[in-house]
Amino acid sequence: MLCGTQQENHLATGSWFNQLQPPFDNPAIRRALLSGISQSDAISAAVGDDAALWQDKVGFFQPGSTMANDAGIEVLTSKRDFAKVKTDLAAAGYKDETVVLPVPADMPLISGMSEVVADMLRKSSMTVYEQTMDWGTAVPKDAL
């Protein structure tokens, strides 16, 4: 899970794994990938390097909300270790399935984050196919 908050207008943005489709239907694969995620890289690709505009080290719930907490956040705040991610993916049963990543070209915020996610997945030894499309085409793909 990637999440950041643009402080100025409280825009929450995120990216998540489609748990209905292989290989992300395997919880062990989703857990293995968490060690490769850099929230700061993703959110800065979306809104820029001025850290006053965004926040990383964010869990499932938006910062400042009543449910926000730091439980389990260490997997996202520890050093990125792609060798470990590759080992964990193999142990989880990743079989070189192609990951299709919709990239909405007309949504710069999400498009920037998508590029970072694609890079992270490739560094983790996953096969990634980026499908560039408009936002209206990308949204229904979440349900597939």
Protein backbone atom coordinates (compact mmCIF):
# COMPACT_ATOMS: atom_id res chain seq x y z
CA MET A 1 0.00 0.00 0.00
CA LEU A 2 1.30 3.41 -0.92
CA CYS A 3 -0.25 6.47 0.59
CA GLY A 4 0.60 10.08 1.01
CA THR A 5 -1.23 13.20 1.93
CA GLN A 6 -0.84 16.53 0.23
CA GLN A 7 -1.13 18.80 3.27
CA GLU A 8 -2.37 21.87 1.42
CA ASN A 9 -5.75 20.45 0.44
CA HIS A 10 -5.71 17.14 2.32
CA LEU A 11 -5.64 15.11 -0.86
CA ALA A 12 -5.05 11.47 -0.03
CA THR A 13 -3.63 9.37 -2.80
CA GLY A 14 -2.66 5.76 -2.98
CA SER A 15 -1.93 2.70 -5.00
CA TRP A 16 -2.88 -0.83 -4.10
CA PHE A 17 -2.62 -4.38 -5.32
CA ASN A 18 -5.60 -5.89 -7.14
CA GLN A 19 -6.19 -8.85 -4.84
CA LEU A 20 -8.52 -10.48 -7.37
CA GLN A 21 -5.80 -11.08 -9.96
CA PRO A 22 -2.65 -13.23 -9.92
CA PRO A 23 -0.06 -12.83 -8.61
CA PHE A 24 -1.59 -10.41 -6.09
CA ASP A 25 -4.30 -12.87 -5.07
CA ASN A 26 -1.50 -14.50 -3.03
CA PRO A 27 -1.15 -12.67 0.34
CA ALA A 28 2.47 -13.85 0.71
CA ILE A 29 3.37 -12.08 -2.54
CA ARG A 30 1.71 -8.86 -1.36
CA ARG A 31 3.61 -9.07 1.95
CA ALA A 32 6.92 -9.72 0.15
CA LEU A 33 6.52 -6.57 -1.95
CA LEU A 34 5.98 -4.28 1.03
CA SER A 35 9.74 -4.29 1.73
CA GLY A 36 10.35 -2.71 -1.68
CA ILE A 37 7.86 0.13 -1.44
CA SER A 38 9.15 3.66 -0.92
CA GLN A 39 6.26 5.92 -0.08
CA SER A 40 8.44 9.02 -0.33
CA ASP A 41 9.58 8.12 -3.87
CA ALA A 42 6.00 7.53 -4.99
CA ILE A 43 4.45 10.63 -3.47
CA SER A 44 7.31 12.92 -4.52
CA ALA A 45 6.89 11.67 -8.11
CA ALA A 46 3.28 12.78 -7.84
CA VAL A 47 3.52 16.14 -6.06
CA GLY A 48 7.21 17.08 -6.04
CA ASP A 49 10.13 17.07 -3.64
CA ASP A 50 8.82 19.69 -1.21
CA ALA A 51 8.18 17.44 1.80
CA ALA A 52 6.04 20.17 3.37
CA LEU A 53 3.36 19.23 0.82
CA TRP A 54 3.18 15.51 1.61
CA GLN A 55 3.68 12.90 4.27
CA ASP A 56 5.14 9.41 4.11
CA LYS A 57 5.34 6.73 6.79
CA VAL A 58 1.58 6.43 6.44
CA GLY A 59 -0.36 3.27 7.21
CA PHE A 60 -3.73 2.19 5.89
CA PHE A 61 -5.68 5.05 7.44
CA GLN A 62 -5.15 8.70 6.53
CA PRO A 63 -2.99 10.62 9.05
CA GLY A 64 -5.04 12.57 11.56
CA SER A 65 -8.06 10.31 11.19
CA THR A 66 -9.41 8.54 14.27
CA MET A 67 -8.20 5.12 13.07
CA ALA A 68 -4.65 6.24 12.09
CA ASN A 69 -1.83 4.45 13.94
CA ASP A 70 1.70 3.13 13.43
CA ALA A 71 0.93 -0.58 13.82
CA GLY A 72 3.05 -2.56 11.33
CA ILE A 73 4.52 0.57 9.72
CA GLU A 74 8.10 -0.69 10.18
CA VAL A 75 7.81 -2.80 7.02
CA LEU A 76 7.37 0.46 5.07
CA THR A 77 9.88 2.54 7.02
CA SER A 78 12.81 0.11 7.13
CA LYS A 79 15.57 0.16 4.51
CA ARG A 80 14.49 -1.01 1.03
CA ASP A 81 16.04 -4.41 0.34
CA PHE A 82 15.31 -5.74 -3.15
CA ALA A 83 17.45 -8.85 -2.67
CA LYS A 84 15.18 -9.79 0.24
CA VAL A 85 12.07 -8.93 -1.80
CA LYS A 86 13.25 -11.23 -4.63
CA THR A 87 13.94 -14.06 -2.18
CA ASP A 88 10.59 -13.57 -0.46
CA LEU A 89 8.75 -13.46 -3.80
CA ALA A 90 10.32 -16.76 -4.86
CA ALA A 91 9.43 -18.32 -1.51
CA ALA A 92 5.87 -17.01 -1.88
CA GLY A 93 5.51 -18.80 -5.22
CA TYR A 94 5.81 -15.95 -7.73
CA LYS A 95 5.94 -17.66 -11.14
CA ASP A 96 6.96 -14.73 -13.35
CA GLU A 97 3.35 -13.80 -14.06
CA THR A 98 3.04 -10.54 -15.95
CA VAL A 99 1.72 -7.69 -13.83
CA VAL A 100 -0.46 -5.32 -15.85
CA LEU A 101 -0.16 -1.78 -14.53
CA PRO A 102 -2.69 0.75 -15.88
CA VAL A 103 -1.00 4.15 -16.22
CA PRO A 104 -3.50 7.01 -16.67
CA ALA A 105 -1.70 9.44 -18.96
CA ASP A 106 -4.23 12.22 -18.32
CA MET A 107 -3.76 12.11 -14.51
CA PRO A 108 -0.19 13.37 -13.86
CA LEU A 109 -0.37 12.72 -10.11
CA ILE A 110 -1.26 9.05 -10.54
CA SER A 111 0.87 8.64 -13.67
CA GLY A 112 3.98 9.72 -11.76
CA MET A 113 3.24 7.30 -8.94
CA SER A 114 2.63 4.52 -11.49
CA GLU A 115 6.10 4.96 -12.94
CA VAL A 116 7.66 4.59 -9.48
CA VAL A 117 5.55 1.51 -8.75
CA ALA A 118 6.55 -0.05 -12.10
CA ASP A 119 10.22 0.57 -11.31
CA MET A 120 9.84 -0.97 -7.84
CA LEU A 121 8.13 -4.05 -9.26
CA ARG A 122 10.89 -4.50 -11.85
CA LYS A 123 13.61 -4.11 -9.19
CA SER A 124 11.75 -6.84 -7.31
CA SER A 125 12.17 -9.13 -10.38
CA MET A 126 8.54 -8.93 -11.48
CA THR A 127 7.51 -8.79 -15.12
CA VAL A 128 5.57 -5.55 -15.65
CA TYR A 129 3.46 -4.45 -18.60
CA GLU A 130 2.51 -0.78 -18.35
CA GLN A 131 -0.72 0.04 -20.17
CA THR A 132 -0.93 3.75 -20.85
CA MET A 133 -4.54 4.90 -21.13
CA ASP A 134 -6.92 7.65 -20.10
CA TRP A 135 -8.35 7.72 -16.56
CA GLY A 136 -11.86 6.77 -17.70
CA THR A 137 -10.49 3.55 -19.17
CA ALA A 138 -8.20 2.79 -16.20
CA VAL A 139 -10.82 3.05 -13.45
CA PRO A 140 -13.05 0.15 -14.57
CA LYS A 141 -9.93 -2.07 -14.79
CA ASP A 142 -9.69 -1.93 -10.96
CA ALA A 143 -12.75 -4.14 -10.79
CA LEU A 144 -11.28 -6.79 -13.09
